[in-house]
N, C-alpha and C. Protein backbone atom coordinates (compact mmCIF):
# COMPACT_ATOMS: atom_id res chain seq x y z
N MET A 1 -9.33 -9.96 12.55
CA MET A 1 -9.01 -10.68 11.29
C MET A 1 -7.61 -10.32 11.02
N LEU A 2 -6.84 -11.59 10.95
CA LEU A 2 -5.41 -11.47 10.82
C LEU A 2 -5.04 -10.94 9.35
N THR A 3 -4.16 -9.86 9.44
CA THR A 3 -3.56 -9.32 7.97
C THR A 3 -2.07 -9.20 8.19
N ILE A 4 -1.44 -8.85 6.99
CA ILE A 4 -0.02 -8.78 7.20
C ILE A 4 0.24 -7.63 8.01
N TYR A 5 -0.58 -6.86 8.21
CA TYR A 5 -0.27 -5.47 9.06
C TYR A 5 0.14 -5.89 10.47
N ASP A 6 -0.51 -7.07 10.79
CA ASP A 6 -0.28 -7.46 12.19
C ASP A 6 1.19 -7.92 12.45
N LEU A 7 2.08 -8.03 11.28
CA LEU A 7 3.35 -8.43 11.30
C LEU A 7 4.27 -7.08 11.53
N LYS A 8 3.65 -5.97 11.55
CA LYS A 8 4.29 -4.78 11.51
C LYS A 8 5.22 -4.55 12.81
N PRO A 9 4.96 -4.95 13.96
CA PRO A 9 5.79 -4.60 15.12
C PRO A 9 7.16 -5.39 14.86
N LYS A 10 7.25 -6.56 14.40
CA LYS A 10 8.32 -7.40 14.05
C LYS A 10 9.22 -6.65 13.05
N PHE A 11 8.59 -6.33 11.90
CA PHE A 11 9.22 -5.60 10.85
C PHE A 11 9.88 -4.33 11.42
N GLN A 12 9.25 -3.56 12.40
CA GLN A 12 9.72 -2.40 12.84
C GLN A 12 10.98 -2.55 13.56
N ASP A 13 10.93 -3.58 14.27
CA ASP A 13 12.13 -4.05 15.15
C ASP A 13 13.39 -4.23 14.24
N LEU A 14 13.07 -4.78 13.09
CA LEU A 14 14.14 -4.96 12.20
C LEU A 14 14.77 -3.63 11.61
N LEU A 15 13.70 -2.83 11.37
CA LEU A 15 14.19 -1.43 10.83
C LEU A 15 14.75 -0.36 11.93
N ARG A 16 14.55 -0.65 13.26
CA ARG A 16 14.95 0.32 14.00
C ARG A 16 16.29 0.83 14.16
N PRO A 17 17.28 -0.03 13.83
CA PRO A 17 18.67 0.43 13.74
C PRO A 17 18.93 1.56 12.56
N ILE A 18 18.22 1.11 11.61
CA ILE A 18 18.13 2.05 10.14
C ILE A 18 17.52 3.37 10.63
N VAL A 19 16.48 3.47 11.33
CA VAL A 19 15.78 4.66 11.81
C VAL A 19 16.68 5.45 12.70
N LYS A 20 17.32 4.84 13.67
CA LYS A 20 18.24 5.58 14.49
C LYS A 20 19.14 6.21 13.84
N LYS A 21 19.79 5.55 12.62
CA LYS A 21 20.79 6.05 11.92
C LYS A 21 20.47 7.27 11.15
N LEU A 22 19.16 7.19 10.57
CA LEU A 22 18.66 8.22 9.80
C LEU A 22 18.35 9.46 10.69
N ALA A 23 17.82 9.29 11.70
CA ALA A 23 17.71 10.29 12.79
C ALA A 23 18.88 11.07 13.29
N HIS A 24 19.85 10.21 13.36
CA HIS A 24 21.31 10.81 13.73
C HIS A 24 21.89 11.65 12.51
N GLU A 25 21.45 11.35 11.38
CA GLU A 25 21.78 12.09 10.18
C GLU A 25 20.75 13.13 9.80
N ASN A 26 20.03 13.56 10.60
CA ASN A 26 18.96 14.49 10.62
C ASN A 26 17.99 14.47 9.33
N ILE A 27 17.73 13.19 8.85
CA ILE A 27 16.76 12.75 7.95
C ILE A 27 15.43 13.04 8.61
N THR A 28 14.61 13.66 7.89
CA THR A 28 13.08 13.86 8.38
C THR A 28 12.20 12.84 7.81
N PRO A 29 11.08 12.63 8.61
CA PRO A 29 9.97 11.62 8.08
C PRO A 29 9.59 12.15 6.67
N ASN A 30 9.40 13.43 6.55
CA ASN A 30 8.72 13.97 5.26
C ASN A 30 9.62 13.57 4.00
N GLN A 31 10.93 13.59 4.40
CA GLN A 31 11.88 13.30 3.21
C GLN A 31 11.90 11.73 2.97
N VAL A 32 11.63 11.06 4.04
CA VAL A 32 11.38 9.61 3.54
C VAL A 32 10.17 9.31 2.82
N THR A 33 9.03 9.99 3.31
CA THR A 33 7.84 9.84 2.56
C THR A 33 7.84 10.21 1.09
N VAL A 34 8.65 11.31 0.84
CA VAL A 34 8.61 11.85 -0.50
C VAL A 34 9.52 10.80 -1.41
N ALA A 35 10.65 10.21 -0.58
CA ALA A 35 11.48 9.39 -1.44
C ALA A 35 10.61 8.08 -1.82
N ALA A 36 9.80 7.74 -0.89
CA ALA A 36 8.89 6.44 -1.09
C ALA A 36 7.94 6.78 -2.30
N MET A 37 7.54 7.93 -2.39
CA MET A 37 6.51 8.39 -3.52
C MET A 37 7.34 8.37 -4.77
N LEU A 38 8.63 9.02 -4.92
CA LEU A 38 9.29 8.89 -6.04
C LEU A 38 9.55 7.60 -6.41
N LEU A 39 9.98 6.64 -5.62
CA LEU A 39 10.32 5.36 -6.05
C LEU A 39 9.04 4.62 -6.64
N SER A 40 7.86 4.79 -5.94
CA SER A 40 6.71 4.27 -6.65
C SER A 40 6.53 4.89 -7.89
N LEU A 41 6.51 6.07 -8.18
CA LEU A 41 6.32 6.74 -9.36
C LEU A 41 7.27 6.17 -10.48
N CYS A 42 8.63 6.20 -10.22
CA CYS A 42 9.39 5.58 -11.11
C CYS A 42 9.13 4.04 -11.42
N CYS A 43 8.71 3.37 -10.49
CA CYS A 43 8.30 1.95 -10.80
C CYS A 43 7.19 2.01 -11.76
N GLY A 44 6.20 2.73 -11.46
CA GLY A 44 4.97 2.88 -12.33
C GLY A 44 5.22 3.09 -13.80
N VAL A 45 6.18 3.95 -13.91
CA VAL A 45 6.67 4.55 -15.30
C VAL A 45 7.26 3.41 -16.03
N PHE A 46 8.22 2.65 -15.21
CA PHE A 46 8.93 1.77 -16.00
C PHE A 46 7.97 0.70 -16.43
N ILE A 47 7.00 0.14 -15.66
CA ILE A 47 5.89 -0.85 -15.90
C ILE A 47 5.29 -0.28 -17.09
N TYR A 48 4.92 0.99 -17.06
CA TYR A 48 3.95 1.46 -18.36
C TYR A 48 4.76 1.46 -19.58
N PHE A 49 6.13 1.76 -19.50
CA PHE A 49 6.58 1.90 -20.87
C PHE A 49 7.35 0.50 -21.23
N SER A 50 7.40 -0.41 -20.35
CA SER A 50 8.03 -1.84 -20.68
C SER A 50 7.04 -2.87 -20.29
N HIS A 51 5.80 -2.85 -20.52
CA HIS A 51 4.97 -3.80 -19.85
C HIS A 51 5.13 -5.33 -20.37
N THR A 52 5.75 -5.54 -21.49
CA THR A 52 5.99 -6.66 -21.92
C THR A 52 7.21 -7.23 -21.54
N LEU A 53 8.08 -6.73 -20.53
CA LEU A 53 9.33 -7.16 -20.15
C LEU A 53 9.18 -7.81 -18.74
N VAL A 54 9.79 -9.01 -18.69
CA VAL A 54 9.80 -9.92 -17.37
C VAL A 54 10.35 -9.09 -16.29
N TRP A 55 11.49 -8.45 -16.59
CA TRP A 55 12.10 -7.87 -15.36
C TRP A 55 11.53 -6.80 -14.72
N THR A 56 10.70 -5.98 -15.25
CA THR A 56 10.10 -4.90 -14.86
C THR A 56 8.87 -5.50 -13.93
N LEU A 57 8.21 -6.51 -14.33
CA LEU A 57 7.17 -7.26 -13.49
C LEU A 57 7.91 -7.81 -12.15
N LEU A 58 9.05 -8.40 -12.37
CA LEU A 58 9.68 -8.93 -11.15
C LEU A 58 10.15 -8.06 -10.23
N ALA A 59 10.68 -6.80 -10.66
CA ALA A 59 11.02 -5.73 -9.95
C ALA A 59 9.96 -5.18 -9.11
N LEU A 60 8.69 -5.24 -9.54
CA LEU A 60 7.54 -4.88 -8.76
C LEU A 60 7.55 -5.10 -7.27
N PRO A 61 7.66 -6.45 -6.94
CA PRO A 61 7.61 -7.04 -5.61
C PRO A 61 8.66 -6.41 -4.77
N ILE A 62 9.87 -6.39 -5.39
CA ILE A 62 10.95 -5.77 -4.66
C ILE A 62 10.78 -4.40 -4.28
N ILE A 63 10.48 -3.64 -5.12
CA ILE A 63 10.13 -2.11 -4.97
C ILE A 63 8.88 -1.82 -3.90
N LEU A 64 7.82 -2.78 -4.08
CA LEU A 64 6.83 -2.69 -3.08
C LEU A 64 7.33 -3.07 -1.72
N PHE A 65 8.14 -3.88 -1.55
CA PHE A 65 8.67 -4.17 -0.24
C PHE A 65 9.70 -3.01 0.23
N LEU A 66 10.35 -2.24 -0.51
CA LEU A 66 11.06 -1.27 -0.19
C LEU A 66 10.04 -0.02 0.14
N ARG A 67 9.10 0.08 -0.55
CA ARG A 67 8.18 1.11 -0.23
C ARG A 67 7.52 0.80 1.13
N MET A 68 7.12 -0.44 1.39
CA MET A 68 6.68 -0.75 2.88
C MET A 68 7.74 -0.44 3.86
N ALA A 69 9.04 -0.65 3.65
CA ALA A 69 9.98 -0.44 4.64
C ALA A 69 10.09 1.10 4.81
N LEU A 70 10.09 1.85 3.68
CA LEU A 70 10.18 3.23 3.74
C LEU A 70 8.90 3.97 4.48
N ASN A 71 7.80 3.21 4.18
CA ASN A 71 6.46 3.71 4.89
C ASN A 71 6.55 3.46 6.49
N ALA A 72 7.24 2.43 6.77
CA ALA A 72 7.36 2.06 8.15
C ALA A 72 8.43 3.10 8.80
N ILE A 73 9.53 3.25 8.09
CA ILE A 73 10.66 4.09 8.61
C ILE A 73 9.97 5.49 8.96
N ASP A 74 9.33 6.17 8.05
CA ASP A 74 8.89 7.55 8.27
C ASP A 74 7.96 7.70 9.33
N GLY A 75 7.09 6.61 9.65
CA GLY A 75 6.32 6.61 10.95
C GLY A 75 7.16 6.53 12.06
N MET A 76 8.21 5.66 12.13
CA MET A 76 8.98 5.44 13.21
C MET A 76 9.83 6.66 13.50
N LEU A 77 10.53 7.31 12.42
CA LEU A 77 10.96 8.64 12.63
C LEU A 77 10.04 9.57 13.24
N ALA A 78 8.94 9.60 12.88
CA ALA A 78 7.91 10.70 13.40
C ALA A 78 7.73 10.50 14.84
N ARG A 79 7.36 9.11 15.24
CA ARG A 79 6.75 8.81 16.57
C ARG A 79 7.93 8.80 17.59
N GLU A 80 9.01 8.03 17.09
CA GLU A 80 9.98 7.73 18.24
C GLU A 80 11.15 8.78 18.35
N HIS A 81 11.07 9.88 17.35
CA HIS A 81 12.25 10.82 17.39
C HIS A 81 11.52 12.13 17.32
N ASP A 82 10.24 12.32 18.00
CA ASP A 82 9.58 13.54 18.20
C ASP A 82 9.55 14.30 17.01
N GLN A 83 9.13 13.77 15.83
CA GLN A 83 9.13 14.65 14.57
C GLN A 83 7.57 14.51 14.06
N GLN A 84 6.60 14.40 14.85
CA GLN A 84 5.24 14.27 14.34
C GLN A 84 4.65 15.59 14.02
N THR A 85 4.16 15.83 12.85
CA THR A 85 3.56 17.12 12.42
C THR A 85 2.25 16.72 11.65
N LYS A 86 1.37 17.81 11.66
CA LYS A 86 -0.02 17.61 10.87
C LYS A 86 0.30 17.58 9.34
N LYS A 87 1.22 18.23 9.08
CA LYS A 87 1.74 18.17 7.66
C LYS A 87 2.22 16.92 7.33
N GLY A 88 3.09 16.21 7.94
CA GLY A 88 3.52 14.93 7.75
C GLY A 88 2.54 13.94 7.63
N ALA A 89 1.38 14.05 8.73
CA ALA A 89 0.45 13.05 8.73
C ALA A 89 -0.49 13.16 7.35
N MET A 90 -0.61 14.29 6.80
CA MET A 90 -1.40 14.39 5.69
C MET A 90 -0.48 14.04 4.60
N LEU A 91 0.79 14.47 4.50
CA LEU A 91 1.69 13.73 3.22
C LEU A 91 1.66 12.31 3.25
N ASN A 92 1.69 11.79 4.48
CA ASN A 92 1.76 10.33 4.43
C ASN A 92 0.63 9.60 3.88
N GLU A 93 -0.52 10.01 4.34
CA GLU A 93 -1.92 9.53 3.78
C GLU A 93 -1.99 9.61 2.38
N MET A 94 -1.76 10.97 1.98
CA MET A 94 -2.06 11.23 0.45
C MET A 94 -1.03 10.57 -0.47
N THR A 95 0.31 10.40 0.00
CA THR A 95 1.19 9.67 -0.96
C THR A 95 1.06 8.14 -0.77
N ASP A 96 0.55 7.71 0.25
CA ASP A 96 0.09 6.15 0.20
C ASP A 96 -0.99 5.86 -0.82
N VAL A 97 -1.80 6.55 -0.98
CA VAL A 97 -2.96 6.43 -1.82
C VAL A 97 -2.28 6.65 -3.35
N MET A 98 -1.69 7.83 -3.42
CA MET A 98 -1.10 8.12 -4.72
C MET A 98 0.02 6.95 -5.22
N ALA A 99 0.67 6.63 -4.30
CA ALA A 99 1.68 5.45 -4.55
C ALA A 99 0.93 4.27 -5.16
N ASP A 100 -0.23 3.85 -4.51
CA ASP A 100 -1.00 2.85 -4.92
C ASP A 100 -1.41 2.89 -6.41
N VAL A 101 -1.93 4.03 -6.77
CA VAL A 101 -2.45 4.38 -7.95
C VAL A 101 -1.36 4.18 -9.11
N VAL A 102 -0.24 4.91 -8.75
CA VAL A 102 0.83 4.97 -9.96
C VAL A 102 1.59 3.52 -10.06
N MET A 103 1.68 2.75 -9.05
CA MET A 103 2.27 1.55 -9.04
C MET A 103 1.43 0.35 -9.73
N TYR A 104 0.23 0.46 -9.36
CA TYR A 104 -0.91 -0.61 -9.68
C TYR A 104 -1.48 -0.56 -11.03
N LEU A 105 -1.93 0.86 -11.53
CA LEU A 105 -2.58 0.91 -12.65
C LEU A 105 -1.79 0.56 -13.96
N PRO A 106 -0.48 0.86 -14.08
CA PRO A 106 0.14 0.48 -15.21
C PRO A 106 0.07 -1.00 -15.59
N LEU A 107 -0.26 -1.98 -14.54
CA LEU A 107 -0.55 -3.20 -14.83
C LEU A 107 -1.60 -3.52 -15.73
N ALA A 108 -2.40 -2.48 -15.99
CA ALA A 108 -3.50 -2.66 -16.94
C ALA A 108 -3.08 -2.78 -18.31
N TYR A 109 -1.80 -2.32 -18.53
CA TYR A 109 -1.45 -2.65 -20.01
C TYR A 109 -0.60 -3.84 -20.15
N VAL A 110 -0.59 -4.62 -18.98
CA VAL A 110 0.13 -5.93 -19.29
C VAL A 110 -0.88 -7.02 -19.94
N ALA A 111 -0.54 -7.64 -20.91
CA ALA A 111 -1.28 -8.63 -21.41
C ALA A 111 -1.93 -9.78 -20.55
N GLY A 112 -3.24 -9.88 -20.48
CA GLY A 112 -3.96 -10.84 -19.59
C GLY A 112 -4.58 -10.01 -18.36
N VAL A 113 -4.38 -8.83 -18.32
CA VAL A 113 -4.91 -8.00 -17.06
C VAL A 113 -6.15 -7.25 -17.60
N SER A 114 -7.41 -7.60 -16.99
CA SER A 114 -8.40 -6.68 -17.19
C SER A 114 -8.36 -5.39 -16.75
N PRO A 115 -8.31 -4.45 -17.63
CA PRO A 115 -8.06 -2.70 -17.00
C PRO A 115 -9.26 -2.51 -16.10
N SER A 116 -10.51 -2.91 -16.44
CA SER A 116 -11.65 -2.59 -15.60
C SER A 116 -11.66 -3.18 -14.19
N LEU A 117 -11.20 -4.62 -14.10
CA LEU A 117 -11.06 -5.10 -12.62
C LEU A 117 -10.01 -4.49 -11.91
N LEU A 118 -8.97 -4.26 -12.60
CA LEU A 118 -7.75 -3.70 -11.92
C LEU A 118 -8.08 -2.14 -11.50
N VAL A 119 -8.93 -1.51 -12.11
CA VAL A 119 -9.22 -0.21 -11.76
C VAL A 119 -10.25 -0.31 -10.51
N ALA A 120 -11.18 -1.23 -10.48
CA ALA A 120 -12.03 -1.54 -9.52
C ALA A 120 -11.25 -1.95 -8.21
N PHE A 121 -10.16 -2.66 -8.31
CA PHE A 121 -9.44 -3.08 -7.15
C PHE A 121 -8.70 -1.73 -6.51
N VAL A 122 -8.16 -0.94 -7.47
CA VAL A 122 -7.46 0.22 -7.03
C VAL A 122 -8.50 1.14 -6.34
N THR A 123 -9.60 1.24 -7.15
CA THR A 123 -10.59 2.32 -6.50
C THR A 123 -11.10 2.01 -5.14
N VAL A 124 -11.41 0.49 -4.92
CA VAL A 124 -11.84 0.21 -3.63
C VAL A 124 -10.67 0.37 -2.42
N GLY A 125 -9.38 0.28 -2.94
CA GLY A 125 -8.26 0.31 -2.06
C GLY A 125 -8.24 1.77 -1.53
N ILE A 126 -8.66 2.79 -2.45
CA ILE A 126 -8.63 4.23 -2.27
C ILE A 126 -9.69 4.54 -1.26
N PHE A 127 -10.93 3.92 -1.35
CA PHE A 127 -12.23 4.19 -0.52
C PHE A 127 -11.76 3.44 1.01
N THR A 128 -10.89 2.36 0.87
CA THR A 128 -10.75 1.74 2.14
C THR A 128 -9.86 2.59 2.93
N GLU A 129 -8.71 3.04 2.31
CA GLU A 129 -7.86 4.06 3.12
C GLU A 129 -8.63 5.43 3.58
N MET A 130 -9.56 5.84 2.65
CA MET A 130 -10.30 6.95 3.13
C MET A 130 -11.33 6.69 4.23
N ALA A 131 -11.93 5.37 4.36
CA ALA A 131 -12.68 5.06 5.41
C ALA A 131 -11.80 5.06 6.73
N GLY A 132 -10.59 4.73 6.61
CA GLY A 132 -9.65 4.44 7.77
C GLY A 132 -9.43 5.78 8.38
N VAL A 133 -9.34 6.77 7.58
CA VAL A 133 -8.89 8.23 7.81
C VAL A 133 -10.10 8.98 8.42
N VAL A 134 -11.36 8.53 7.75
CA VAL A 134 -12.45 9.19 8.28
C VAL A 134 -12.73 8.78 9.62
N ALA A 135 -12.50 7.53 9.87
CA ALA A 135 -12.83 6.99 11.24
C ALA A 135 -11.91 7.61 12.33
N GLN A 136 -10.78 8.06 11.77
CA GLN A 136 -9.95 8.65 12.74
C GLN A 136 -10.34 10.14 13.14
N THR A 137 -11.15 10.81 12.33
CA THR A 137 -11.66 12.04 12.52
C THR A 137 -12.73 11.97 13.65
N LEU A 138 -13.58 10.70 13.55
CA LEU A 138 -14.69 10.50 14.43
C LEU A 138 -14.17 9.97 15.75
N THR A 139 -13.23 9.04 15.93
CA THR A 139 -12.96 8.34 17.14
C THR A 139 -11.25 8.53 17.60
N ALA A 140 -10.52 9.36 16.82
CA ALA A 140 -9.40 9.57 17.13
C ALA A 140 -8.39 8.36 16.96
N LYS A 141 -8.86 7.41 16.30
CA LYS A 141 -8.11 6.33 16.11
C LYS A 141 -8.27 5.77 14.51
N ARG A 142 -7.16 5.56 14.00
CA ARG A 142 -7.09 5.37 12.65
C ARG A 142 -7.45 3.90 12.47
N ARG A 143 -8.35 3.50 11.40
CA ARG A 143 -8.49 2.09 11.31
C ARG A 143 -7.80 1.38 10.44
N TYR A 144 -7.34 0.08 10.73
CA TYR A 144 -6.34 -0.67 9.87
C TYR A 144 -6.99 -2.19 9.66
N ASP A 145 -8.26 -2.25 9.91
CA ASP A 145 -8.93 -3.56 9.87
C ASP A 145 -8.56 -4.11 8.35
N GLY A 146 -8.70 -5.58 8.49
CA GLY A 146 -8.46 -6.20 7.24
C GLY A 146 -9.84 -6.79 6.67
N PRO A 147 -9.87 -7.76 5.71
CA PRO A 147 -8.64 -8.48 5.26
C PRO A 147 -7.88 -7.86 4.14
N MET A 148 -8.05 -6.62 3.75
CA MET A 148 -7.50 -6.01 2.40
C MET A 148 -6.82 -4.78 2.73
N GLY A 149 -5.94 -4.77 3.71
CA GLY A 149 -5.27 -3.50 4.07
C GLY A 149 -4.14 -3.07 2.93
N LYS A 150 -3.36 -2.11 3.22
CA LYS A 150 -2.53 -1.61 2.34
C LYS A 150 -1.40 -2.68 2.01
N SER A 151 -0.92 -3.16 3.18
CA SER A 151 0.21 -4.24 3.12
C SER A 151 -0.33 -5.57 2.40
N ASP A 152 -1.65 -5.78 2.55
CA ASP A 152 -2.22 -6.96 1.87
C ASP A 152 -2.42 -6.73 0.36
N ARG A 153 -2.78 -5.34 0.14
CA ARG A 153 -2.94 -5.27 -1.38
C ARG A 153 -1.73 -5.22 -2.02
N ALA A 154 -0.48 -4.73 -1.43
CA ALA A 154 0.75 -4.90 -1.77
C ALA A 154 1.21 -6.41 -2.15
N PHE A 155 0.87 -7.06 -1.19
CA PHE A 155 1.19 -8.78 -1.42
C PHE A 155 0.31 -9.40 -2.47
N VAL A 156 -0.85 -8.86 -2.67
CA VAL A 156 -1.76 -9.53 -3.80
C VAL A 156 -1.03 -8.93 -5.09
N ILE A 157 -0.76 -7.56 -5.22
CA ILE A 157 -0.17 -7.31 -6.42
C ILE A 157 1.19 -7.81 -6.72
N SER A 158 2.06 -7.99 -5.70
CA SER A 158 3.34 -8.55 -5.89
C SER A 158 3.23 -10.07 -6.41
N LEU A 159 2.37 -10.75 -5.80
CA LEU A 159 2.19 -12.16 -6.24
C LEU A 159 1.69 -12.17 -7.87
N LEU A 160 0.75 -11.28 -7.99
CA LEU A 160 0.20 -11.20 -9.40
C LEU A 160 1.26 -10.94 -10.47
N ALA A 161 2.00 -10.01 -10.05
CA ALA A 161 3.23 -9.63 -10.82
C ALA A 161 4.28 -10.79 -11.22
N ILE A 162 4.37 -11.61 -10.17
CA ILE A 162 5.21 -12.88 -10.28
C ILE A 162 4.55 -13.81 -11.11
N LEU A 163 3.32 -14.00 -10.94
CA LEU A 163 2.68 -15.07 -11.81
C LEU A 163 2.64 -14.55 -13.17
N LEU A 164 2.31 -13.34 -13.51
CA LEU A 164 2.30 -12.81 -14.86
C LEU A 164 3.71 -12.91 -15.56
N SER A 165 4.76 -12.62 -14.73
CA SER A 165 6.22 -12.64 -15.32
C SER A 165 6.51 -14.01 -15.79
N PHE A 166 6.16 -14.98 -15.05
CA PHE A 166 6.49 -16.37 -15.52
C PHE A 166 5.27 -16.98 -16.33
N GLU A 167 4.16 -16.17 -16.66
CA GLU A 167 2.99 -16.69 -17.48
C GLU A 167 2.34 -18.01 -16.78
N LEU A 168 2.32 -17.95 -15.64
CA LEU A 168 1.62 -18.92 -14.58
C LEU A 168 0.17 -18.87 -14.46
N ILE A 169 -0.39 -17.60 -15.02
CA ILE A 169 -1.78 -17.36 -14.88
C ILE A 169 -2.29 -16.92 -16.22
N ASN A 170 -3.52 -17.41 -16.55
CA ASN A 170 -4.08 -16.94 -17.79
C ASN A 170 -5.25 -15.67 -17.47
N ILE A 171 -5.85 -15.37 -18.48
CA ILE A 171 -6.77 -14.28 -18.47
C ILE A 171 -7.92 -14.59 -17.46
N THR A 172 -8.40 -15.73 -17.60
CA THR A 172 -9.58 -16.19 -16.86
C THR A 172 -9.24 -16.21 -15.38
N TRP A 173 -8.21 -16.77 -15.02
CA TRP A 173 -7.67 -16.91 -13.52
C TRP A 173 -7.29 -15.38 -12.94
N THR A 174 -6.64 -14.51 -13.87
CA THR A 174 -6.32 -13.27 -13.47
C THR A 174 -7.41 -12.43 -13.17
N SER A 175 -8.61 -12.57 -14.03
CA SER A 175 -9.80 -11.89 -13.62
C SER A 175 -10.37 -12.49 -12.26
N LEU A 176 -10.36 -13.67 -12.07
CA LEU A 176 -10.86 -14.15 -10.78
C LEU A 176 -10.16 -13.76 -9.69
N TYR A 177 -8.81 -13.71 -9.94
CA TYR A 177 -7.92 -13.27 -8.76
C TYR A 177 -8.13 -11.94 -8.37
N LEU A 178 -8.34 -11.01 -9.40
CA LEU A 178 -8.70 -9.46 -9.26
C LEU A 178 -9.94 -9.34 -8.43
N SER A 179 -10.93 -10.14 -9.06
CA SER A 179 -12.36 -9.97 -8.66
C SER A 179 -12.31 -10.37 -7.04
N THR A 180 -11.72 -11.46 -6.78
CA THR A 180 -11.73 -11.92 -5.38
C THR A 180 -11.10 -10.93 -4.37
N ALA A 181 -10.00 -10.22 -4.84
CA ALA A 181 -9.29 -9.26 -4.17
C ALA A 181 -10.04 -8.17 -3.90
N THR A 182 -10.68 -7.69 -4.88
CA THR A 182 -11.64 -6.64 -4.86
C THR A 182 -12.79 -6.97 -3.87
N LEU A 183 -13.37 -7.98 -3.98
CA LEU A 183 -14.53 -8.31 -2.92
C LEU A 183 -13.96 -8.32 -1.59
N LEU A 184 -12.80 -8.77 -1.24
CA LEU A 184 -12.09 -8.57 0.03
C LEU A 184 -11.84 -7.17 0.46
N GLY A 185 -11.46 -6.41 -0.54
CA GLY A 185 -11.46 -5.02 -0.37
C GLY A 185 -12.77 -4.49 0.05
N LEU A 186 -13.86 -4.72 -0.60
CA LEU A 186 -15.08 -4.41 -0.23
C LEU A 186 -15.48 -4.68 1.20
N LEU A 187 -15.17 -5.82 1.63
CA LEU A 187 -15.37 -6.22 2.84
C LEU A 187 -14.59 -5.48 3.98
N THR A 188 -13.33 -5.15 3.67
CA THR A 188 -12.44 -4.29 4.56
C THR A 188 -13.18 -3.08 4.58
N LEU A 189 -13.61 -2.33 3.54
CA LEU A 189 -14.10 -1.25 3.62
C LEU A 189 -15.47 -1.24 4.59
N TYR A 190 -16.36 -2.07 4.20
CA TYR A 190 -17.38 -2.22 5.36
C TYR A 190 -16.89 -2.36 6.84
N ARG A 191 -15.96 -3.19 7.00
CA ARG A 191 -15.55 -3.29 8.36
C ARG A 191 -14.94 -2.16 9.03
N ARG A 192 -14.21 -1.41 8.15
CA ARG A 192 -13.68 -0.09 8.57
C ARG A 192 -14.82 0.94 8.92
N MET A 193 -15.66 0.96 7.96
CA MET A 193 -16.77 2.01 8.10
C MET A 193 -17.66 1.60 9.42
N ASN A 194 -17.89 0.31 9.58
CA ASN A 194 -18.88 -0.22 10.65
C ASN A 194 -18.18 -0.11 11.78
N ARG A 195 -17.04 -0.47 11.94
CA ARG A 195 -16.26 -0.40 13.14
C ARG A 195 -16.07 1.05 13.63
N GLY A 196 -15.74 2.05 12.61
CA GLY A 196 -15.61 3.26 13.01
C GLY A 196 -16.87 4.05 13.44
N HIS A 197 -18.02 3.56 12.82
CA HIS A 197 -19.42 3.99 13.39
C HIS A 197 -19.50 3.63 14.62
N GLN A 198 -19.36 2.38 15.05
CA GLN A 198 -19.74 1.78 16.25
C GLN A 198 -18.91 2.57 17.36
N LEU A 199 -17.65 2.82 17.20
CA LEU A 199 -16.78 3.45 18.20
C LEU A 199 -17.18 4.78 18.40
N GLU A 200 -17.62 5.50 17.40
CA GLU A 200 -18.15 6.93 17.36
C GLU A 200 -19.27 7.21 18.15
N LYS A 201 -20.23 6.03 18.18
CA LYS A 201 -21.48 6.06 19.06
C LYS A 201 -21.24 5.77 20.62
N GLN A 202 -19.94 5.13 20.96
CA GLN A 202 -19.70 4.79 22.30
C GLN A 202 -19.26 6.14 23.07
């Protein structure tokens, strides 16, 4: 099933010159991972304390894009410049989930957003990433099945932030939007668990 994750190779090609420069400057993957987490935390704090301001919502898609770039960069630094470590792998997985939480949950304080539906969306996202990691312990292969992977969730939230900032979506449509995204997340969770289980039996 096609997801935004499938565009990752082309995105990495664009980032490779930056990765080479960072490697030359002795920047480690873990430093990039921590930087991405701090950026996410700052974004969440800004949204929480200024949830009625349009510019904070419009900043969210930009910061999410930067976070995706940093996430790609730390992986490329690790793989392509012989810096892979177990500590780095754990840090990467944990900070990805934590970044989702600190960036997405503050939207619950934005007018028109159902806190319970947003929490459900974030929770399913956490379970989805957990399923991908658990599959790796069984089959030695991390699952990235869609249709609602990490990059797709970032796109969904970015689009929601834009719609909210320009008041192009009301409470009813916001609830339907988040409900649909959550259902797609549950489908993703099922596919990752099912596929990981099937491969484990082979």
